[in-house]
Amino acid sequence: MRWWGPREYTMTHCKADLRPGGSFSYKMRSAEGVERAMQGTFREVVEPERLVWTGAWINDQGEPGHQTTVTITLADLAGKTRLTLHQAVFESTEVRDAHNNGCSSSFDCLAEYLAAA
């Protein structure tokens, strides 16, 4: 909750059962007060190299929307870690680009959090 989400959002809820078949949910609030919620299921958890999950944004009626699959791989590079994220399939180019900006911002926040730790 200290770093996940785009810089302009604050996490207000985060729950995760990090195991294959386990679920997650989170909520975040924009600086303007807009709340967004997501839920999903972990498909693969291979420590320390791979995470795969499905997820969908939740609409105002509490129902999940379009689902995507996210795969994160971690590789050791001479004492550093390369993180590769792949997410698909998006319902439009615009939604894909918005997710790209949000993920990039989240990882910038992670780098700042780790540098301060």
N, C-alpha and C. Protein backbone atom coordinates (compact mmCIF):
# COMPACT_ATOMS: atom_id res chain seq x y z
N MET A 1 0.82 -1.20 0.00
CA MET A 1 0.00 0.00 0.00
C MET A 1 0.86 1.26 0.00
N ARG A 2 2.14 1.14 0.36
CA ARG A 2 2.99 2.33 0.43
C ARG A 2 3.47 2.79 -0.94
N TRP A 3 3.46 1.91 -1.94
CA TRP A 3 3.98 2.32 -3.24
C TRP A 3 3.11 1.89 -4.42
N TRP A 4 2.20 0.96 -4.25
CA TRP A 4 1.43 0.46 -5.39
C TRP A 4 0.40 1.48 -5.86
N GLY A 5 0.27 1.60 -7.15
CA GLY A 5 -0.70 2.51 -7.75
C GLY A 5 -0.02 3.73 -8.32
N PRO A 6 -0.67 4.38 -9.26
CA PRO A 6 -0.10 5.60 -9.84
C PRO A 6 0.14 6.66 -8.77
N ARG A 7 1.12 7.49 -9.02
CA ARG A 7 1.55 8.51 -8.06
C ARG A 7 0.39 9.37 -7.56
N GLU A 8 -0.56 9.69 -8.41
CA GLU A 8 -1.64 10.58 -8.02
C GLU A 8 -2.78 9.88 -7.28
N TYR A 9 -2.60 8.59 -6.95
CA TYR A 9 -3.61 7.83 -6.21
C TYR A 9 -3.08 7.40 -4.85
N THR A 10 -4.00 7.22 -3.90
CA THR A 10 -3.69 6.70 -2.57
C THR A 10 -4.42 5.38 -2.40
N MET A 11 -3.70 4.35 -1.98
CA MET A 11 -4.34 3.06 -1.74
C MET A 11 -5.15 3.16 -0.45
N THR A 12 -6.41 2.73 -0.51
CA THR A 12 -7.26 2.76 0.67
C THR A 12 -7.61 1.36 1.18
N HIS A 13 -7.36 0.36 0.36
CA HIS A 13 -7.64 -1.03 0.73
C HIS A 13 -6.77 -1.93 -0.12
N CYS A 14 -6.21 -2.96 0.49
CA CYS A 14 -5.44 -3.94 -0.26
C CYS A 14 -5.47 -5.26 0.51
N LYS A 15 -5.93 -6.31 -0.14
CA LYS A 15 -5.97 -7.63 0.46
C LYS A 15 -5.52 -8.63 -0.60
N ALA A 16 -4.61 -9.53 -0.23
CA ALA A 16 -4.11 -10.50 -1.20
C ALA A 16 -3.81 -11.83 -0.53
N ASP A 17 -4.22 -12.89 -1.17
CA ASP A 17 -3.91 -14.27 -0.78
C ASP A 17 -2.98 -14.80 -1.85
N LEU A 18 -1.67 -14.55 -1.66
CA LEU A 18 -0.66 -14.80 -2.69
C LEU A 18 -0.31 -16.27 -2.80
N ARG A 19 -1.17 -16.99 -3.54
CA ARG A 19 -0.96 -18.41 -3.83
C ARG A 19 -1.79 -18.73 -5.06
N PRO A 20 -1.43 -19.76 -5.83
CA PRO A 20 -2.25 -20.12 -6.98
C PRO A 20 -3.70 -20.36 -6.55
N GLY A 21 -4.63 -19.70 -7.21
CA GLY A 21 -6.05 -19.78 -6.85
C GLY A 21 -6.47 -18.75 -5.83
N GLY A 22 -5.52 -18.07 -5.20
CA GLY A 22 -5.84 -17.04 -4.22
C GLY A 22 -6.32 -15.77 -4.90
N SER A 23 -7.08 -14.99 -4.18
CA SER A 23 -7.65 -13.77 -4.76
C SER A 23 -6.97 -12.53 -4.19
N PHE A 24 -7.22 -11.40 -4.87
CA PHE A 24 -6.77 -10.11 -4.36
C PHE A 24 -7.84 -9.08 -4.67
N SER A 25 -7.81 -8.01 -3.90
CA SER A 25 -8.66 -6.86 -4.18
C SER A 25 -7.96 -5.62 -3.65
N TYR A 26 -8.16 -4.52 -4.33
CA TYR A 26 -7.66 -3.25 -3.81
C TYR A 26 -8.54 -2.11 -4.29
N LYS A 27 -8.45 -1.02 -3.53
CA LYS A 27 -9.14 0.22 -3.87
C LYS A 27 -8.13 1.35 -3.76
N MET A 28 -8.29 2.33 -4.63
CA MET A 28 -7.44 3.51 -4.57
C MET A 28 -8.28 4.73 -4.88
N ARG A 29 -7.81 5.87 -4.36
CA ARG A 29 -8.54 7.14 -4.49
C ARG A 29 -7.62 8.17 -5.15
N SER A 30 -8.16 8.85 -6.16
CA SER A 30 -7.40 9.91 -6.83
C SER A 30 -7.37 11.16 -5.98
N ALA A 31 -6.52 12.10 -6.35
CA ALA A 31 -6.45 13.38 -5.64
C ALA A 31 -7.78 14.12 -5.72
N GLU A 32 -8.58 13.84 -6.76
CA GLU A 32 -9.89 14.47 -6.92
C GLU A 32 -10.99 13.72 -6.17
N GLY A 33 -10.64 12.61 -5.51
CA GLY A 33 -11.62 11.85 -4.74
C GLY A 33 -12.30 10.72 -5.47
N VAL A 34 -11.87 10.43 -6.71
CA VAL A 34 -12.46 9.34 -7.49
C VAL A 34 -11.88 8.01 -6.99
N GLU A 35 -12.77 7.07 -6.68
CA GLU A 35 -12.32 5.75 -6.20
C GLU A 35 -12.36 4.74 -7.34
N ARG A 36 -11.32 3.90 -7.39
CA ARG A 36 -11.23 2.81 -8.36
C ARG A 36 -10.97 1.54 -7.57
N ALA A 37 -11.59 0.44 -7.99
CA ALA A 37 -11.40 -0.84 -7.32
C ALA A 37 -11.06 -1.90 -8.35
N MET A 38 -10.23 -2.86 -7.96
CA MET A 38 -9.85 -3.97 -8.83
C MET A 38 -9.88 -5.25 -8.02
N GLN A 39 -10.18 -6.35 -8.69
CA GLN A 39 -10.10 -7.66 -8.05
C GLN A 39 -9.57 -8.66 -9.06
N GLY A 40 -9.02 -9.76 -8.54
CA GLY A 40 -8.50 -10.77 -9.45
C GLY A 40 -8.08 -12.02 -8.71
N THR A 41 -7.43 -12.91 -9.48
CA THR A 41 -7.02 -14.21 -8.97
C THR A 41 -5.59 -14.50 -9.39
N PHE A 42 -4.79 -14.98 -8.46
CA PHE A 42 -3.43 -15.39 -8.78
C PHE A 42 -3.47 -16.75 -9.47
N ARG A 43 -2.79 -16.86 -10.61
CA ARG A 43 -2.73 -18.12 -11.37
C ARG A 43 -1.45 -18.89 -11.11
N GLU A 44 -0.32 -18.17 -11.05
CA GLU A 44 0.98 -18.80 -10.80
C GLU A 44 1.76 -17.97 -9.80
N VAL A 45 2.44 -18.65 -8.87
CA VAL A 45 3.35 -18.00 -7.94
C VAL A 45 4.57 -18.90 -7.88
N VAL A 46 5.65 -18.47 -8.53
CA VAL A 46 6.88 -19.24 -8.57
C VAL A 46 7.99 -18.37 -7.99
N GLU A 47 8.28 -18.57 -6.70
CA GLU A 47 9.30 -17.76 -6.04
C GLU A 47 10.68 -18.19 -6.52
N PRO A 48 11.56 -17.28 -6.75
CA PRO A 48 11.42 -15.82 -6.78
C PRO A 48 11.35 -15.29 -8.21
N GLU A 49 10.75 -16.04 -9.13
CA GLU A 49 10.91 -15.66 -10.53
C GLU A 49 9.66 -15.29 -11.33
N ARG A 50 8.47 -15.64 -10.86
CA ARG A 50 7.31 -15.42 -11.73
C ARG A 50 6.00 -15.28 -10.94
N LEU A 51 5.18 -14.30 -11.35
CA LEU A 51 3.81 -14.13 -10.85
C LEU A 51 2.89 -13.96 -12.05
N VAL A 52 1.76 -14.65 -12.00
CA VAL A 52 0.75 -14.49 -13.05
C VAL A 52 -0.60 -14.32 -12.35
N TRP A 53 -1.35 -13.30 -12.78
CA TRP A 53 -2.68 -13.12 -12.21
C TRP A 53 -3.62 -12.55 -13.27
N THR A 54 -4.90 -12.73 -13.02
CA THR A 54 -5.93 -12.09 -13.82
C THR A 54 -6.58 -11.02 -12.95
N GLY A 55 -7.05 -9.97 -13.60
CA GLY A 55 -7.67 -8.91 -12.84
C GLY A 55 -8.62 -8.10 -13.69
N ALA A 56 -9.56 -7.45 -13.02
CA ALA A 56 -10.53 -6.60 -13.70
C ALA A 56 -10.92 -5.45 -12.78
N TRP A 57 -11.15 -4.28 -13.38
CA TRP A 57 -11.68 -3.15 -12.63
C TRP A 57 -13.13 -3.44 -12.28
N ILE A 58 -13.55 -2.93 -11.13
CA ILE A 58 -14.91 -3.14 -10.65
C ILE A 58 -15.74 -1.89 -10.96
N ASN A 59 -16.92 -2.08 -11.54
CA ASN A 59 -17.76 -0.93 -11.88
C ASN A 59 -18.55 -0.44 -10.66
N ASP A 60 -19.35 0.59 -10.85
CA ASP A 60 -20.11 1.19 -9.74
C ASP A 60 -21.16 0.24 -9.14
N GLN A 61 -21.53 -0.79 -9.90
CA GLN A 61 -22.50 -1.77 -9.39
C GLN A 61 -21.80 -2.95 -8.70
N GLY A 62 -20.46 -2.88 -8.59
CA GLY A 62 -19.70 -3.93 -7.91
C GLY A 62 -19.39 -5.13 -8.78
N GLU A 63 -19.55 -4.99 -10.09
CA GLU A 63 -19.31 -6.09 -11.02
C GLU A 63 -17.98 -5.89 -11.75
N PRO A 64 -17.23 -7.00 -11.97
CA PRO A 64 -15.97 -6.88 -12.69
C PRO A 64 -16.20 -6.58 -14.17
N GLY A 65 -15.30 -5.77 -14.73
CA GLY A 65 -15.34 -5.45 -16.15
C GLY A 65 -14.43 -6.38 -16.94
N HIS A 66 -13.84 -5.86 -17.98
CA HIS A 66 -12.95 -6.61 -18.86
C HIS A 66 -11.75 -7.14 -18.07
N GLN A 67 -11.43 -8.39 -18.24
CA GLN A 67 -10.33 -9.03 -17.50
C GLN A 67 -9.08 -9.11 -18.36
N THR A 68 -7.94 -8.81 -17.74
CA THR A 68 -6.65 -9.01 -18.40
C THR A 68 -5.82 -9.98 -17.57
N THR A 69 -4.75 -10.47 -18.19
CA THR A 69 -3.81 -11.34 -17.51
C THR A 69 -2.47 -10.62 -17.43
N VAL A 70 -1.88 -10.60 -16.25
CA VAL A 70 -0.60 -9.95 -16.00
C VAL A 70 0.43 -11.03 -15.66
N THR A 71 1.58 -10.95 -16.31
CA THR A 71 2.69 -11.85 -16.02
C THR A 71 3.90 -11.00 -15.67
N ILE A 72 4.45 -11.24 -14.49
CA ILE A 72 5.68 -10.58 -14.06
C ILE A 72 6.76 -11.63 -13.93
N THR A 73 7.90 -11.38 -14.57
CA THR A 73 9.06 -12.26 -14.41
C THR A 73 10.19 -11.44 -13.79
N LEU A 74 10.94 -12.10 -12.93
CA LEU A 74 12.08 -11.48 -12.25
C LEU A 74 13.34 -12.28 -12.60
N ALA A 75 14.41 -11.58 -13.00
CA ALA A 75 15.66 -12.24 -13.35
C ALA A 75 16.82 -11.56 -12.65
N ASP A 76 17.73 -12.37 -12.14
CA ASP A 76 18.93 -11.86 -11.47
C ASP A 76 19.94 -11.43 -12.53
N LEU A 77 20.40 -10.19 -12.42
CA LEU A 77 21.41 -9.66 -13.34
C LEU A 77 22.57 -9.11 -12.53
N ALA A 78 23.50 -9.98 -12.18
CA ALA A 78 24.69 -9.56 -11.45
C ALA A 78 24.34 -8.76 -10.19
N GLY A 79 23.45 -9.30 -9.38
CA GLY A 79 23.10 -8.65 -8.13
C GLY A 79 21.98 -7.63 -8.23
N LYS A 80 21.49 -7.38 -9.42
CA LYS A 80 20.34 -6.51 -9.62
C LYS A 80 19.20 -7.37 -10.15
N THR A 81 18.00 -6.82 -10.15
CA THR A 81 16.84 -7.58 -10.59
C THR A 81 16.19 -6.90 -11.79
N ARG A 82 15.99 -7.69 -12.84
CA ARG A 82 15.23 -7.20 -13.99
C ARG A 82 13.78 -7.67 -13.81
N LEU A 83 12.86 -6.73 -13.83
CA LEU A 83 11.44 -7.03 -13.73
C LEU A 83 10.83 -6.78 -15.11
N THR A 84 10.15 -7.80 -15.63
CA THR A 84 9.45 -7.67 -16.90
C THR A 84 7.97 -7.89 -16.65
N LEU A 85 7.15 -6.96 -17.12
CA LEU A 85 5.71 -7.04 -16.95
C LEU A 85 5.05 -7.15 -18.32
N HIS A 86 4.16 -8.12 -18.46
CA HIS A 86 3.36 -8.25 -19.68
C HIS A 86 1.90 -8.33 -19.26
N GLN A 87 1.07 -7.50 -19.88
CA GLN A 87 -0.36 -7.49 -19.57
C GLN A 87 -1.15 -7.50 -20.87
N ALA A 88 -2.16 -8.38 -20.94
CA ALA A 88 -2.96 -8.48 -22.17
C ALA A 88 -4.26 -9.20 -21.84
N VAL A 89 -5.19 -9.15 -22.58
CA VAL A 89 -5.43 -8.39 -23.78
C VAL A 89 -6.35 -7.24 -23.40
N PHE A 90 -6.00 -6.05 -23.87
CA PHE A 90 -6.78 -4.86 -23.56
C PHE A 90 -7.91 -4.67 -24.55
N GLU A 91 -8.98 -4.00 -24.11
CA GLU A 91 -10.12 -3.78 -24.98
C GLU A 91 -9.92 -2.64 -25.95
N SER A 92 -8.89 -1.81 -25.73
CA SER A 92 -8.60 -0.72 -26.67
C SER A 92 -7.16 -0.23 -26.46
N THR A 93 -6.67 0.47 -27.45
CA THR A 93 -5.33 1.08 -27.37
C THR A 93 -5.29 2.11 -26.26
N GLU A 94 -6.37 2.88 -26.10
CA GLU A 94 -6.41 3.92 -25.07
C GLU A 94 -6.31 3.32 -23.67
N VAL A 95 -7.02 2.23 -23.43
CA VAL A 95 -6.96 1.58 -22.12
C VAL A 95 -5.57 1.00 -21.88
N ARG A 96 -4.98 0.41 -22.93
CA ARG A 96 -3.61 -0.12 -22.81
C ARG A 96 -2.64 0.98 -22.41
N ASP A 97 -2.72 2.13 -23.08
CA ASP A 97 -1.80 3.22 -22.81
C ASP A 97 -1.99 3.77 -21.39
N ALA A 98 -3.23 3.85 -20.92
CA ALA A 98 -3.49 4.31 -19.55
C ALA A 98 -2.89 3.34 -18.54
N HIS A 99 -3.01 2.04 -18.79
CA HIS A 99 -2.40 1.05 -17.89
C HIS A 99 -0.88 1.18 -17.90
N ASN A 100 -0.30 1.40 -19.07
CA ASN A 100 1.14 1.56 -19.16
C ASN A 100 1.62 2.73 -18.30
N ASN A 101 0.91 3.85 -18.38
CA ASN A 101 1.28 5.01 -17.57
C ASN A 101 1.12 4.72 -16.08
N GLY A 102 0.04 4.03 -15.70
CA GLY A 102 -0.18 3.69 -14.29
C GLY A 102 0.88 2.74 -13.76
N CYS A 103 1.23 1.72 -14.54
CA CYS A 103 2.26 0.76 -14.11
C CYS A 103 3.62 1.45 -13.99
N SER A 104 3.96 2.26 -14.97
CA SER A 104 5.24 2.98 -14.91
C SER A 104 5.32 3.85 -13.67
N SER A 105 4.25 4.55 -13.36
CA SER A 105 4.21 5.39 -12.18
C SER A 105 4.34 4.56 -10.90
N SER A 106 3.68 3.40 -10.86
CA SER A 106 3.78 2.51 -9.69
C SER A 106 5.22 2.07 -9.47
N PHE A 107 5.90 1.70 -10.55
CA PHE A 107 7.28 1.23 -10.40
C PHE A 107 8.22 2.37 -10.05
N ASP A 108 7.93 3.59 -10.48
CA ASP A 108 8.70 4.75 -10.03
C ASP A 108 8.53 4.91 -8.51
N CYS A 109 7.30 4.75 -8.03
CA CYS A 109 7.03 4.84 -6.59
C CYS A 109 7.75 3.73 -5.83
N LEU A 110 7.81 2.53 -6.40
CA LEU A 110 8.54 1.42 -5.76
C LEU A 110 10.03 1.76 -5.66
N ALA A 111 10.61 2.29 -6.73
CA ALA A 111 12.04 2.65 -6.69
C ALA A 111 12.32 3.69 -5.61
N GLU A 112 11.45 4.66 -5.48
CA GLU A 112 11.61 5.69 -4.44
C GLU A 112 11.47 5.07 -3.05
N TYR A 113 10.52 4.17 -2.89
CA TYR A 113 10.31 3.51 -1.60
C TYR A 113 11.54 2.68 -1.21
N LEU A 114 12.08 1.93 -2.17
CA LEU A 114 13.26 1.10 -1.88
C LEU A 114 14.49 1.95 -1.59
N ALA A 115 14.63 3.06 -2.30
CA ALA A 115 15.78 3.94 -2.07
C ALA A 115 15.75 4.54 -0.67
N ALA A 116 14.55 4.78 -0.16
CA ALA A 116 14.42 5.37 1.18
C ALA A 116 14.47 4.32 2.30
N ALA A 117 14.29 3.05 1.95
CA ALA A 117 14.25 1.97 2.97
C ALA A 117 15.62 1.66 3.53
